[in-house]
PDBML (XML) file of the C-alpha atoms, coordinates in Angstrom:
<?xml version="1.0" encoding="UTF-8" ?>
<PDBx:datablock datablockName="MODEL"
   xmlns:PDBx="http://pdbml.pdb.org/schema/pdbx-v50.xsd"
   xmlns:xsi="http://www.w3.org/2001/XMLSchema-instance"
   xsi:schemaLocation="http://pdbml.pdb.org/schema/pdbx-v50.xsd pdbx-v50.xsd">
   <PDBx:atom_siteCategory>
      <PDBx:atom_site id="1">
         <PDBx:B_iso_or_equiv>0.00</PDBx:B_iso_or_equiv>
         <PDBx:Cartn_x>-18.862</PDBx:Cartn_x>
         <PDBx:Cartn_y>28.274</PDBx:Cartn_y>
         <PDBx:Cartn_z>-103.056</PDBx:Cartn_z>
         <PDBx:auth_asym_id>A</PDBx:auth_asym_id>
         <PDBx:auth_atom_id>CA</PDBx:auth_atom_id>
         <PDBx:auth_comp_id>LEU</PDBx:auth_comp_id>
         <PDBx:auth_seq_id>1</PDBx:auth_seq_id>
         <PDBx:group_PDB>ATOM</PDBx:group_PDB>
         <PDBx:label_alt_id xsi:nil="true" />
         <PDBx:label_asym_id>A</PDBx:label_asym_id>
         <PDBx:label_atom_id>CA</PDBx:label_atom_id>
         <PDBx:label_comp_id>LEU</PDBx:label_comp_id>
         <PDBx:label_entity_id>1</PDBx:label_entity_id>
         <PDBx:label_seq_id>1</PDBx:label_seq_id>
         <PDBx:occupancy>1.00</PDBx:occupancy>
         <PDBx:pdbx_PDB_model_num>1</PDBx:pdbx_PDB_model_num>
         <PDBx:type_symbol>C</PDBx:type_symbol>
      </PDBx:atom_site>
      <PDBx:atom_site id="2">
         <PDBx:B_iso_or_equiv>0.00</PDBx:B_iso_or_equiv>
         <PDBx:Cartn_x>-17.357</PDBx:Cartn_x>
         <PDBx:Cartn_y>24.992</PDBx:Cartn_y>
         <PDBx:Cartn_z>-101.822</PDBx:Cartn_z>
         <PDBx:auth_asym_id>A</PDBx:auth_asym_id>
         <PDBx:auth_atom_id>CA</PDBx:auth_atom_id>
         <PDBx:auth_comp_id>ARG</PDBx:auth_comp_id>
         <PDBx:auth_seq_id>2</PDBx:auth_seq_id>
         <PDBx:group_PDB>ATOM</PDBx:group_PDB>
         <PDBx:label_alt_id xsi:nil="true" />
         <PDBx:label_asym_id>A</PDBx:label_asym_id>
         <PDBx:label_atom_id>CA</PDBx:label_atom_id>
         <PDBx:label_comp_id>ARG</PDBx:label_comp_id>
         <PDBx:label_entity_id>1</PDBx:label_entity_id>
         <PDBx:label_seq_id>2</PDBx:label_seq_id>
         <PDBx:occupancy>1.00</PDBx:occupancy>
         <PDBx:pdbx_PDB_model_num>1</PDBx:pdbx_PDB_model_num>
         <PDBx:type_symbol>C</PDBx:type_symbol>
      </PDBx:atom_site>
      <PDBx:atom_site id="3">
         <PDBx:B_iso_or_equiv>0.00</PDBx:B_iso_or_equiv>
         <PDBx:Cartn_x>-20.616</PDBx:Cartn_x>
         <PDBx:Cartn_y>23.105</PDBx:Cartn_y>
         <PDBx:Cartn_z>-102.347</PDBx:Cartn_z>
         <PDBx:auth_asym_id>A</PDBx:auth_asym_id>
         <PDBx:auth_atom_id>CA</PDBx:auth_atom_id>
         <PDBx:auth_comp_id>GLY</PDBx:auth_comp_id>
         <PDBx:auth_seq_id>3</PDBx:auth_seq_id>
         <PDBx:group_PDB>ATOM</PDBx:group_PDB>
         <PDBx:label_alt_id xsi:nil="true" />
         <PDBx:label_asym_id>A</PDBx:label_asym_id>
         <PDBx:label_atom_id>CA</PDBx:label_atom_id>
         <PDBx:label_comp_id>GLY</PDBx:label_comp_id>
         <PDBx:label_entity_id>1</PDBx:label_entity_id>
         <PDBx:label_seq_id>3</PDBx:label_seq_id>
         <PDBx:occupancy>1.00</PDBx:occupancy>
         <PDBx:pdbx_PDB_model_num>1</PDBx:pdbx_PDB_model_num>
         <PDBx:type_symbol>C</PDBx:type_symbol>
      </PDBx:atom_site>
      <PDBx:atom_site id="4">
         <PDBx:B_iso_or_equiv>0.00</PDBx:B_iso_or_equiv>
         <PDBx:Cartn_x>-20.479</PDBx:Cartn_x>
         <PDBx:Cartn_y>23.615</PDBx:Cartn_y>
         <PDBx:Cartn_z>-106.127</PDBx:Cartn_z>
         <PDBx:auth_asym_id>A</PDBx:auth_asym_id>
         <PDBx:auth_atom_id>CA</PDBx:auth_atom_id>
         <PDBx:auth_comp_id>ASN</PDBx:auth_comp_id>
         <PDBx:auth_seq_id>4</PDBx:auth_seq_id>
         <PDBx:group_PDB>ATOM</PDBx:group_PDB>
         <PDBx:label_alt_id xsi:nil="true" />
         <PDBx:label_asym_id>A</PDBx:label_asym_id>
         <PDBx:label_atom_id>CA</PDBx:label_atom_id>
         <PDBx:label_comp_id>ASN</PDBx:label_comp_id>
         <PDBx:label_entity_id>1</PDBx:label_entity_id>
         <PDBx:label_seq_id>4</PDBx:label_seq_id>
         <PDBx:occupancy>1.00</PDBx:occupancy>
         <PDBx:pdbx_PDB_model_num>1</PDBx:pdbx_PDB_model_num>
         <PDBx:type_symbol>C</PDBx:type_symbol>
      </PDBx:atom_site>
      <PDBx:atom_site id="5">
         <PDBx:B_iso_or_equiv>0.00</PDBx:B_iso_or_equiv>
         <PDBx:Cartn_x>-17.888</PDBx:Cartn_x>
         <PDBx:Cartn_y>21.216</PDBx:Cartn_y>
         <PDBx:Cartn_z>-107.623</PDBx:Cartn_z>
         <PDBx:auth_asym_id>A</PDBx:auth_asym_id>
         <PDBx:auth_atom_id>CA</PDBx:auth_atom_id>
         <PDBx:auth_comp_id>PRO</PDBx:auth_comp_id>
         <PDBx:auth_seq_id>5</PDBx:auth_seq_id>
         <PDBx:group_PDB>ATOM</PDBx:group_PDB>
         <PDBx:label_alt_id xsi:nil="true" />
         <PDBx:label_asym_id>A</PDBx:label_asym_id>
         <PDBx:label_atom_id>CA</PDBx:label_atom_id>
         <PDBx:label_comp_id>PRO</PDBx:label_comp_id>
         <PDBx:label_entity_id>1</PDBx:label_entity_id>
         <PDBx:label_seq_id>5</PDBx:label_seq_id>
         <PDBx:occupancy>1.00</PDBx:occupancy>
         <PDBx:pdbx_PDB_model_num>1</PDBx:pdbx_PDB_model_num>
         <PDBx:type_symbol>C</PDBx:type_symbol>
      </PDBx:atom_site>
      <PDBx:atom_site id="6">
         <PDBx:B_iso_or_equiv>0.00</PDBx:B_iso_or_equiv>
         <PDBx:Cartn_x>-18.193</PDBx:Cartn_x>
         <PDBx:Cartn_y>22.823</PDBx:Cartn_y>
         <PDBx:Cartn_z>-111.072</PDBx:Cartn_z>
         <PDBx:auth_asym_id>A</PDBx:auth_asym_id>
         <PDBx:auth_atom_id>CA</PDBx:auth_atom_id>
         <PDBx:auth_comp_id>ALA</PDBx:auth_comp_id>
         <PDBx:auth_seq_id>6</PDBx:auth_seq_id>
         <PDBx:group_PDB>ATOM</PDBx:group_PDB>
         <PDBx:label_alt_id xsi:nil="true" />
         <PDBx:label_asym_id>A</PDBx:label_asym_id>
         <PDBx:label_atom_id>CA</PDBx:label_atom_id>
         <PDBx:label_comp_id>ALA</PDBx:label_comp_id>
         <PDBx:label_entity_id>1</PDBx:label_entity_id>
         <PDBx:label_seq_id>6</PDBx:label_seq_id>
         <PDBx:occupancy>1.00</PDBx:occupancy>
         <PDBx:pdbx_PDB_model_num>1</PDBx:pdbx_PDB_model_num>
         <PDBx:type_symbol>C</PDBx:type_symbol>
      </PDBx:atom_site>
      <PDBx:atom_site id="7">
         <PDBx:B_iso_or_equiv>0.00</PDBx:B_iso_or_equiv>
         <PDBx:Cartn_x>-16.931</PDBx:Cartn_x>
         <PDBx:Cartn_y>26.099</PDBx:Cartn_y>
         <PDBx:Cartn_z>-109.593</PDBx:Cartn_z>
         <PDBx:auth_asym_id>A</PDBx:auth_asym_id>
         <PDBx:auth_atom_id>CA</PDBx:auth_atom_id>
         <PDBx:auth_comp_id>VAL</PDBx:auth_comp_id>
         <PDBx:auth_seq_id>7</PDBx:auth_seq_id>
         <PDBx:group_PDB>ATOM</PDBx:group_PDB>
         <PDBx:label_alt_id xsi:nil="true" />
         <PDBx:label_asym_id>A</PDBx:label_asym_id>
         <PDBx:label_atom_id>CA</PDBx:label_atom_id>
         <PDBx:label_comp_id>VAL</PDBx:label_comp_id>
         <PDBx:label_entity_id>1</PDBx:label_entity_id>
         <PDBx:label_seq_id>7</PDBx:label_seq_id>
         <PDBx:occupancy>1.00</PDBx:occupancy>
         <PDBx:pdbx_PDB_model_num>1</PDBx:pdbx_PDB_model_num>
         <PDBx:type_symbol>C</PDBx:type_symbol>
      </PDBx:atom_site>
      <PDBx:atom_site id="8">
         <PDBx:B_iso_or_equiv>0.00</PDBx:B_iso_or_equiv>
         <PDBx:Cartn_x>-14.662</PDBx:Cartn_x>
         <PDBx:Cartn_y>24.900</PDBx:Cartn_y>
         <PDBx:Cartn_z>-106.777</PDBx:Cartn_z>
         <PDBx:auth_asym_id>A</PDBx:auth_asym_id>
         <PDBx:auth_atom_id>CA</PDBx:auth_atom_id>
         <PDBx:auth_comp_id>VAL</PDBx:auth_comp_id>
         <PDBx:auth_seq_id>8</PDBx:auth_seq_id>
         <PDBx:group_PDB>ATOM</PDBx:group_PDB>
         <PDBx:label_alt_id xsi:nil="true" />
         <PDBx:label_asym_id>A</PDBx:label_asym_id>
         <PDBx:label_atom_id>CA</PDBx:label_atom_id>
         <PDBx:label_comp_id>VAL</PDBx:label_comp_id>
         <PDBx:label_entity_id>1</PDBx:label_entity_id>
         <PDBx:label_seq_id>8</PDBx:label_seq_id>
         <PDBx:occupancy>1.00</PDBx:occupancy>
         <PDBx:pdbx_PDB_model_num>1</PDBx:pdbx_PDB_model_num>
         <PDBx:type_symbol>C</PDBx:type_symbol>
      </PDBx:atom_site>
      <PDBx:atom_site id="9">
         <PDBx:B_iso_or_equiv>0.00</PDBx:B_iso_or_equiv>
         <PDBx:Cartn_x>-12.576</PDBx:Cartn_x>
         <PDBx:Cartn_y>21.763</PDBx:Cartn_y>
         <PDBx:Cartn_z>-107.183</PDBx:Cartn_z>
         <PDBx:auth_asym_id>A</PDBx:auth_asym_id>
         <PDBx:auth_atom_id>CA</PDBx:auth_atom_id>
         <PDBx:auth_comp_id>ASN</PDBx:auth_comp_id>
         <PDBx:auth_seq_id>9</PDBx:auth_seq_id>
         <PDBx:group_PDB>ATOM</PDBx:group_PDB>
         <PDBx:label_alt_id xsi:nil="true" />
         <PDBx:label_asym_id>A</PDBx:label_asym_id>
         <PDBx:label_atom_id>CA</PDBx:label_atom_id>
         <PDBx:label_comp_id>ASN</PDBx:label_comp_id>
         <PDBx:label_entity_id>1</PDBx:label_entity_id>
         <PDBx:label_seq_id>9</PDBx:label_seq_id>
         <PDBx:occupancy>1.00</PDBx:occupancy>
         <PDBx:pdbx_PDB_model_num>1</PDBx:pdbx_PDB_model_num>
         <PDBx:type_symbol>C</PDBx:type_symbol>
      </PDBx:atom_site>
      <PDBx:atom_site id="10">
         <PDBx:B_iso_or_equiv>0.00</PDBx:B_iso_or_equiv>
         <PDBx:Cartn_x>-9.488</PDBx:Cartn_x>
         <PDBx:Cartn_y>20.477</PDBx:Cartn_y>
         <PDBx:Cartn_z>-105.373</PDBx:Cartn_z>
         <PDBx:auth_asym_id>A</PDBx:auth_asym_id>
         <PDBx:auth_atom_id>CA</PDBx:auth_atom_id>
         <PDBx:auth_comp_id>ASP</PDBx:auth_comp_id>
         <PDBx:auth_seq_id>10</PDBx:auth_seq_id>
         <PDBx:group_PDB>ATOM</PDBx:group_PDB>
         <PDBx:label_alt_id xsi:nil="true" />
         <PDBx:label_asym_id>A</PDBx:label_asym_id>
         <PDBx:label_atom_id>CA</PDBx:label_atom_id>
         <PDBx:label_comp_id>ASP</PDBx:label_comp_id>
         <PDBx:label_entity_id>1</PDBx:label_entity_id>
         <PDBx:label_seq_id>10</PDBx:label_seq_id>
         <PDBx:occupancy>1.00</PDBx:occupancy>
         <PDBx:pdbx_PDB_model_num>1</PDBx:pdbx_PDB_model_num>
         <PDBx:type_symbol>C</PDBx:type_symbol>
      </PDBx:atom_site>
      <PDBx:atom_site id="11">
         <PDBx:B_iso_or_equiv>0.00</PDBx:B_iso_or_equiv>
         <PDBx:Cartn_x>-7.150</PDBx:Cartn_x>
         <PDBx:Cartn_y>22.417</PDBx:Cartn_y>
         <PDBx:Cartn_z>-107.678</PDBx:Cartn_z>
         <PDBx:auth_asym_id>A</PDBx:auth_asym_id>
         <PDBx:auth_atom_id>CA</PDBx:auth_atom_id>
         <PDBx:auth_comp_id>ALA</PDBx:auth_comp_id>
         <PDBx:auth_seq_id>11</PDBx:auth_seq_id>
         <PDBx:group_PDB>ATOM</PDBx:group_PDB>
         <PDBx:label_alt_id xsi:nil="true" />
         <PDBx:label_asym_id>A</PDBx:label_asym_id>
         <PDBx:label_atom_id>CA</PDBx:label_atom_id>
         <PDBx:label_comp_id>ALA</PDBx:label_comp_id>
         <PDBx:label_entity_id>1</PDBx:label_entity_id>
         <PDBx:label_seq_id>11</PDBx:label_seq_id>
         <PDBx:occupancy>1.00</PDBx:occupancy>
         <PDBx:pdbx_PDB_model_num>1</PDBx:pdbx_PDB_model_num>
         <PDBx:type_symbol>C</PDBx:type_symbol>
      </PDBx:atom_site>
      <PDBx:atom_site id="12">
         <PDBx:B_iso_or_equiv>0.00</PDBx:B_iso_or_equiv>
         <PDBx:Cartn_x>-8.945</PDBx:Cartn_x>
         <PDBx:Cartn_y>25.678</PDBx:Cartn_y>
         <PDBx:Cartn_z>-106.809</PDBx:Cartn_z>
         <PDBx:auth_asym_id>A</PDBx:auth_asym_id>
         <PDBx:auth_atom_id>CA</PDBx:auth_atom_id>
         <PDBx:auth_comp_id>VAL</PDBx:auth_comp_id>
         <PDBx:auth_seq_id>12</PDBx:auth_seq_id>
         <PDBx:group_PDB>ATOM</PDBx:group_PDB>
         <PDBx:label_alt_id xsi:nil="true" />
         <PDBx:label_asym_id>A</PDBx:label_asym_id>
         <PDBx:label_atom_id>CA</PDBx:label_atom_id>
         <PDBx:label_comp_id>VAL</PDBx:label_comp_id>
         <PDBx:label_entity_id>1</PDBx:label_entity_id>
         <PDBx:label_seq_id>12</PDBx:label_seq_id>
         <PDBx:occupancy>1.00</PDBx:occupancy>
         <PDBx:pdbx_PDB_model_num>1</PDBx:pdbx_PDB_model_num>
         <PDBx:type_symbol>C</PDBx:type_symbol>
      </PDBx:atom_site>
      <PDBx:atom_site id="13">
         <PDBx:B_iso_or_equiv>0.00</PDBx:B_iso_or_equiv>
         <PDBx:Cartn_x>-8.574</PDBx:Cartn_x>
         <PDBx:Cartn_y>24.969</PDBx:Cartn_y>
         <PDBx:Cartn_z>-103.081</PDBx:Cartn_z>
         <PDBx:auth_asym_id>A</PDBx:auth_asym_id>
         <PDBx:auth_atom_id>CA</PDBx:auth_atom_id>
         <PDBx:auth_comp_id>TRP</PDBx:auth_comp_id>
         <PDBx:auth_seq_id>13</PDBx:auth_seq_id>
         <PDBx:group_PDB>ATOM</PDBx:group_PDB>
         <PDBx:label_alt_id xsi:nil="true" />
         <PDBx:label_asym_id>A</PDBx:label_asym_id>
         <PDBx:label_atom_id>CA</PDBx:label_atom_id>
         <PDBx:label_comp_id>TRP</PDBx:label_comp_id>
         <PDBx:label_entity_id>1</PDBx:label_entity_id>
         <PDBx:label_seq_id>13</PDBx:label_seq_id>
         <PDBx:occupancy>1.00</PDBx:occupancy>
         <PDBx:pdbx_PDB_model_num>1</PDBx:pdbx_PDB_model_num>
         <PDBx:type_symbol>C</PDBx:type_symbol>
      </PDBx:atom_site>
      <PDBx:atom_site id="14">
         <PDBx:B_iso_or_equiv>0.00</PDBx:B_iso_or_equiv>
         <PDBx:Cartn_x>-4.875</PDBx:Cartn_x>
         <PDBx:Cartn_y>24.174</PDBx:Cartn_y>
         <PDBx:Cartn_z>-103.409</PDBx:Cartn_z>
         <PDBx:auth_asym_id>A</PDBx:auth_asym_id>
         <PDBx:auth_atom_id>CA</PDBx:auth_atom_id>
         <PDBx:auth_comp_id>ILE</PDBx:auth_comp_id>
         <PDBx:auth_seq_id>14</PDBx:auth_seq_id>
         <PDBx:group_PDB>ATOM</PDBx:group_PDB>
         <PDBx:label_alt_id xsi:nil="true" />
         <PDBx:label_asym_id>A</PDBx:label_asym_id>
         <PDBx:label_atom_id>CA</PDBx:label_atom_id>
         <PDBx:label_comp_id>ILE</PDBx:label_comp_id>
         <PDBx:label_entity_id>1</PDBx:label_entity_id>
         <PDBx:label_seq_id>14</PDBx:label_seq_id>
         <PDBx:occupancy>1.00</PDBx:occupancy>
         <PDBx:pdbx_PDB_model_num>1</PDBx:pdbx_PDB_model_num>
         <PDBx:type_symbol>C</PDBx:type_symbol>
      </PDBx:atom_site>
      <PDBx:atom_site id="15">
         <PDBx:B_iso_or_equiv>0.00</PDBx:B_iso_or_equiv>
         <PDBx:Cartn_x>-4.050</PDBx:Cartn_x>
         <PDBx:Cartn_y>27.092</PDBx:Cartn_y>
         <PDBx:Cartn_z>-105.699</PDBx:Cartn_z>
         <PDBx:auth_asym_id>A</PDBx:auth_asym_id>
         <PDBx:auth_atom_id>CA</PDBx:auth_atom_id>
         <PDBx:auth_comp_id>ARG</PDBx:auth_comp_id>
         <PDBx:auth_seq_id>15</PDBx:auth_seq_id>
         <PDBx:group_PDB>ATOM</PDBx:group_PDB>
         <PDBx:label_alt_id xsi:nil="true" />
         <PDBx:label_asym_id>A</PDBx:label_asym_id>
         <PDBx:label_atom_id>CA</PDBx:label_atom_id>
         <PDBx:label_comp_id>ARG</PDBx:label_comp_id>
         <PDBx:label_entity_id>1</PDBx:label_entity_id>
         <PDBx:label_seq_id>15</PDBx:label_seq_id>
         <PDBx:occupancy>1.00</PDBx:occupancy>
         <PDBx:pdbx_PDB_model_num>1</PDBx:pdbx_PDB_model_num>
         <PDBx:type_symbol>C</PDBx:type_symbol>
      </PDBx:atom_site>
      <PDBx:atom_site id="16">
         <PDBx:B_iso_or_equiv>0.00</PDBx:B_iso_or_equiv>
         <PDBx:Cartn_x>-6.135</PDBx:Cartn_x>
         <PDBx:Cartn_y>29.530</PDBx:Cartn_y>
         <PDBx:Cartn_z>-103.656</PDBx:Cartn_z>
         <PDBx:auth_asym_id>A</PDBx:auth_asym_id>
         <PDBx:auth_atom_id>CA</PDBx:auth_atom_id>
         <PDBx:auth_comp_id>GLY</PDBx:auth_comp_id>
         <PDBx:auth_seq_id>16</PDBx:auth_seq_id>
         <PDBx:group_PDB>ATOM</PDBx:group_PDB>
         <PDBx:label_alt_id xsi:nil="true" />
         <PDBx:label_asym_id>A</PDBx:label_asym_id>
         <PDBx:label_atom_id>CA</PDBx:label_atom_id>
         <PDBx:label_comp_id>GLY</PDBx:label_comp_id>
         <PDBx:label_entity_id>1</PDBx:label_entity_id>
         <PDBx:label_seq_id>16</PDBx:label_seq_id>
         <PDBx:occupancy>1.00</PDBx:occupancy>
         <PDBx:pdbx_PDB_model_num>1</PDBx:pdbx_PDB_model_num>
         <PDBx:type_symbol>C</PDBx:type_symbol>
      </PDBx:atom_site>
      <PDBx:atom_site id="17">
         <PDBx:B_iso_or_equiv>0.00</PDBx:B_iso_or_equiv>
         <PDBx:Cartn_x>-4.337</PDBx:Cartn_x>
         <PDBx:Cartn_y>28.581</PDBx:Cartn_y>
         <PDBx:Cartn_z>-100.460</PDBx:Cartn_z>
         <PDBx:auth_asym_id>A</PDBx:auth_asym_id>
         <PDBx:auth_atom_id>CA</PDBx:auth_atom_id>
         <PDBx:auth_comp_id>THR</PDBx:auth_comp_id>
         <PDBx:auth_seq_id>17</PDBx:auth_seq_id>
         <PDBx:group_PDB>ATOM</PDBx:group_PDB>
         <PDBx:label_alt_id xsi:nil="true" />
         <PDBx:label_asym_id>A</PDBx:label_asym_id>
         <PDBx:label_atom_id>CA</PDBx:label_atom_id>
         <PDBx:label_comp_id>THR</PDBx:label_comp_id>
         <PDBx:label_entity_id>1</PDBx:label_entity_id>
         <PDBx:label_seq_id>17</PDBx:label_seq_id>
         <PDBx:occupancy>1.00</PDBx:occupancy>
         <PDBx:pdbx_PDB_model_num>1</PDBx:pdbx_PDB_model_num>
         <PDBx:type_symbol>C</PDBx:type_symbol>
      </PDBx:atom_site>
      <PDBx:atom_site id="18">
         <PDBx:B_iso_or_equiv>0.00</PDBx:B_iso_or_equiv>
         <PDBx:Cartn_x>-0.887</PDBx:Cartn_x>
         <PDBx:Cartn_y>28.743</PDBx:Cartn_y>
         <PDBx:Cartn_z>-102.059</PDBx:Cartn_z>
         <PDBx:auth_asym_id>A</PDBx:auth_asym_id>
         <PDBx:auth_atom_id>CA</PDBx:auth_atom_id>
         <PDBx:auth_comp_id>ILE</PDBx:auth_comp_id>
         <PDBx:auth_seq_id>18</PDBx:auth_seq_id>
         <PDBx:group_PDB>ATOM</PDBx:group_PDB>
         <PDBx:label_alt_id xsi:nil="true" />
         <PDBx:label_asym_id>A</PDBx:label_asym_id>
         <PDBx:label_atom_id>CA</PDBx:label_atom_id>
         <PDBx:label_comp_id>ILE</PDBx:label_comp_id>
         <PDBx:label_entity_id>1</PDBx:label_entity_id>
         <PDBx:label_seq_id>18</PDBx:label_seq_id>
         <PDBx:occupancy>1.00</PDBx:occupancy>
         <PDBx:pdbx_PDB_model_num>1</PDBx:pdbx_PDB_model_num>
         <PDBx:type_symbol>C</PDBx:type_symbol>
      </PDBx:atom_site>
      <PDBx:atom_site id="19">
         <PDBx:B_iso_or_equiv>0.00</PDBx:B_iso_or_equiv>
         <PDBx:Cartn_x>-1.639</PDBx:Cartn_x>
         <PDBx:Cartn_y>32.144</PDBx:Cartn_y>
         <PDBx:Cartn_z>-103.560</PDBx:Cartn_z>
         <PDBx:auth_asym_id>A</PDBx:auth_asym_id>
         <PDBx:auth_atom_id>CA</PDBx:auth_atom_id>
         <PDBx:auth_comp_id>VAL</PDBx:auth_comp_id>
         <PDBx:auth_seq_id>19</PDBx:auth_seq_id>
         <PDBx:group_PDB>ATOM</PDBx:group_PDB>
         <PDBx:label_alt_id xsi:nil="true" />
         <PDBx:label_asym_id>A</PDBx:label_asym_id>
         <PDBx:label_atom_id>CA</PDBx:label_atom_id>
         <PDBx:label_comp_id>VAL</PDBx:label_comp_id>
         <PDBx:label_entity_id>1</PDBx:label_entity_id>
         <PDBx:label_seq_id>19</PDBx:label_seq_id>
         <PDBx:occupancy>1.00</PDBx:occupancy>
         <PDBx:pdbx_PDB_model_num>1</PDBx:pdbx_PDB_model_num>
         <PDBx:type_symbol>C</PDBx:type_symbol>
      </PDBx:atom_site>
      <PDBx:atom_site id="20">
         <PDBx:B_iso_or_equiv>0.00</PDBx:B_iso_or_equiv>
         <PDBx:Cartn_x>-2.761</PDBx:Cartn_x>
         <PDBx:Cartn_y>33.616</PDBx:Cartn_y>
         <PDBx:Cartn_z>-100.231</PDBx:Cartn_z>
         <PDBx:auth_asym_id>A</PDBx:auth_asym_id>
         <PDBx:auth_atom_id>CA</PDBx:auth_atom_id>
         <PDBx:auth_comp_id>VAL</PDBx:auth_comp_id>
         <PDBx:auth_seq_id>20</PDBx:auth_seq_id>
         <PDBx:group_PDB>ATOM</PDBx:group_PDB>
         <PDBx:label_alt_id xsi:nil="true" />
         <PDBx:label_asym_id>A</PDBx:label_asym_id>
         <PDBx:label_atom_id>CA</PDBx:label_atom_id>
         <PDBx:label_comp_id>VAL</PDBx:label_comp_id>
         <PDBx:label_entity_id>1</PDBx:label_entity_id>
         <PDBx:label_seq_id>20</PDBx:label_seq_id>
         <PDBx:occupancy>1.00</PDBx:occupancy>
         <PDBx:pdbx_PDB_model_num>1</PDBx:pdbx_PDB_model_num>
         <PDBx:type_symbol>C</PDBx:type_symbol>
      </PDBx:atom_site>
      <PDBx:atom_site id="21">
         <PDBx:B_iso_or_equiv>0.00</PDBx:B_iso_or_equiv>
         <PDBx:Cartn_x>0.375</PDBx:Cartn_x>
         <PDBx:Cartn_y>32.286</PDBx:Cartn_y>
         <PDBx:Cartn_z>-98.538</PDBx:Cartn_z>
         <PDBx:auth_asym_id>A</PDBx:auth_asym_id>
         <PDBx:auth_atom_id>CA</PDBx:auth_atom_id>
         <PDBx:auth_comp_id>ALA</PDBx:auth_comp_id>
         <PDBx:auth_seq_id>21</PDBx:auth_seq_id>
         <PDBx:group_PDB>ATOM</PDBx:group_PDB>
         <PDBx:label_alt_id xsi:nil="true" />
         <PDBx:label_asym_id>A</PDBx:label_asym_id>
         <PDBx:label_atom_id>CA</PDBx:label_atom_id>
         <PDBx:label_comp_id>ALA</PDBx:label_comp_id>
         <PDBx:label_entity_id>1</PDBx:label_entity_id>
         <PDBx:label_seq_id>21</PDBx:label_seq_id>
         <PDBx:occupancy>1.00</PDBx:occupancy>
         <PDBx:pdbx_PDB_model_num>1</PDBx:pdbx_PDB_model_num>
         <PDBx:type_symbol>C</PDBx:type_symbol>
      </PDBx:atom_site>
      <PDBx:atom_site id="22">
         <PDBx:B_iso_or_equiv>0.00</PDBx:B_iso_or_equiv>
         <PDBx:Cartn_x>2.672</PDBx:Cartn_x>
         <PDBx:Cartn_y>33.640</PDBx:Cartn_y>
         <PDBx:Cartn_z>-101.262</PDBx:Cartn_z>
         <PDBx:auth_asym_id>A</PDBx:auth_asym_id>
         <PDBx:auth_atom_id>CA</PDBx:auth_atom_id>
         <PDBx:auth_comp_id>SER</PDBx:auth_comp_id>
         <PDBx:auth_seq_id>22</PDBx:auth_seq_id>
         <PDBx:group_PDB>ATOM</PDBx:group_PDB>
         <PDBx:label_alt_id xsi:nil="true" />
         <PDBx:label_asym_id>A</PDBx:label_asym_id>
         <PDBx:label_atom_id>CA</PDBx:label_atom_id>
         <PDBx:label_comp_id>SER</PDBx:label_comp_id>
         <PDBx:label_entity_id>1</PDBx:label_entity_id>
         <PDBx:label_seq_id>22</PDBx:label_seq_id>
         <PDBx:occupancy>1.00</PDBx:occupancy>
         <PDBx:pdbx_PDB_model_num>1</PDBx:pdbx_PDB_model_num>
         <PDBx:type_symbol>C</PDBx:type_symbol>
      </PDBx:atom_site>
      <PDBx:atom_site id="23">
         <PDBx:B_iso_or_equiv>0.00</PDBx:B_iso_or_equiv>
         <PDBx:Cartn_x>0.853</PDBx:Cartn_x>
         <PDBx:Cartn_y>36.985</PDBx:Cartn_y>
         <PDBx:Cartn_z>-101.301</PDBx:Cartn_z>
         <PDBx:auth_asym_id>A</PDBx:auth_asym_id>
         <PDBx:auth_atom_id>CA</PDBx:auth_atom_id>
         <PDBx:auth_comp_id>ALA</PDBx:auth_comp_id>
         <PDBx:auth_seq_id>23</PDBx:auth_seq_id>
         <PDBx:group_PDB>ATOM</PDBx:group_PDB>
         <PDBx:label_alt_id xsi:nil="true" />
         <PDBx:label_asym_id>A</PDBx:label_asym_id>
         <PDBx:label_atom_id>CA</PDBx:label_atom_id>
         <PDBx:label_comp_id>ALA</PDBx:label_comp_id>
         <PDBx:label_entity_id>1</PDBx:label_entity_id>
         <PDBx:label_seq_id>23</PDBx:label_seq_id>
         <PDBx:occupancy>1.00</PDBx:occupancy>
         <PDBx:pdbx_PDB_model_num>1</PDBx:pdbx_PDB_model_num>
         <PDBx:type_symbol>C</PDBx:type_symbol>
      </PDBx:atom_site>
      <PDBx:atom_site id="24">
         <PDBx:B_iso_or_equiv>0.00</PDBx:B_iso_or_equiv>
         <PDBx:Cartn_x>1.245</PDBx:Cartn_x>
         <PDBx:Cartn_y>37.333</PDBx:Cartn_y>
         <PDBx:Cartn_z>-97.526</PDBx:Cartn_z>
         <PDBx:auth_asym_id>A</PDBx:auth_asym_id>
         <PDBx:auth_atom_id>CA</PDBx:auth_atom_id>
         <PDBx:auth_comp_id>ALA</PDBx:auth_comp_id>
         <PDBx:auth_seq_id>24</PDBx:auth_seq_id>
         <PDBx:group_PDB>ATOM</PDBx:group_PDB>
         <PDBx:label_alt_id xsi:nil="true" />
         <PDBx:label_asym_id>A</PDBx:label_asym_id>
         <PDBx:label_atom_id>CA</PDBx:label_atom_id>
         <PDBx:label_comp_id>ALA</PDBx:label_comp_id>
         <PDBx:label_entity_id>1</PDBx:label_entity_id>
         <PDBx:label_seq_id>24</PDBx:label_seq_id>
         <PDBx:occupancy>1.00</PDBx:occupancy>
         <PDBx:pdbx_PDB_model_num>1</PDBx:pdbx_PDB_model_num>
         <PDBx:type_symbol>C</PDBx:type_symbol>
      </PDBx:atom_site>
      <PDBx:atom_site id="25">
         <PDBx:B_iso_or_equiv>0.00</PDBx:B_iso_or_equiv>
         <PDBx:Cartn_x>4.955</PDBx:Cartn_x>
         <PDBx:Cartn_y>36.524</PDBx:Cartn_y>
         <PDBx:Cartn_z>-97.814</PDBx:Cartn_z>
         <PDBx:auth_asym_id>A</PDBx:auth_asym_id>
         <PDBx:auth_atom_id>CA</PDBx:auth_atom_id>
         <PDBx:auth_comp_id>LEU</PDBx:auth_comp_id>
         <PDBx:auth_seq_id>25</PDBx:auth_seq_id>
         <PDBx:group_PDB>ATOM</PDBx:group_PDB>
         <PDBx:label_alt_id xsi:nil="true" />
         <PDBx:label_asym_id>A</PDBx:label_asym_id>
         <PDBx:label_atom_id>CA</PDBx:label_atom_id>
         <PDBx:label_comp_id>LEU</PDBx:label_comp_id>
         <PDBx:label_entity_id>1</PDBx:label_entity_id>
         <PDBx:label_seq_id>25</PDBx:label_seq_id>
         <PDBx:occupancy>1.00</PDBx:occupancy>
         <PDBx:pdbx_PDB_model_num>1</PDBx:pdbx_PDB_model_num>
         <PDBx:type_symbol>C</PDBx:type_symbol>
      </PDBx:atom_site>
   </PDBx:atom_siteCategory>
</PDBx:datablock>
């Protein structure tokens, strides 16, 4: 969904990446 800025913004990218990393840990 990266092409839709109303759905995916920079905060979503950052939070999504942090959450995956913390979940893996």
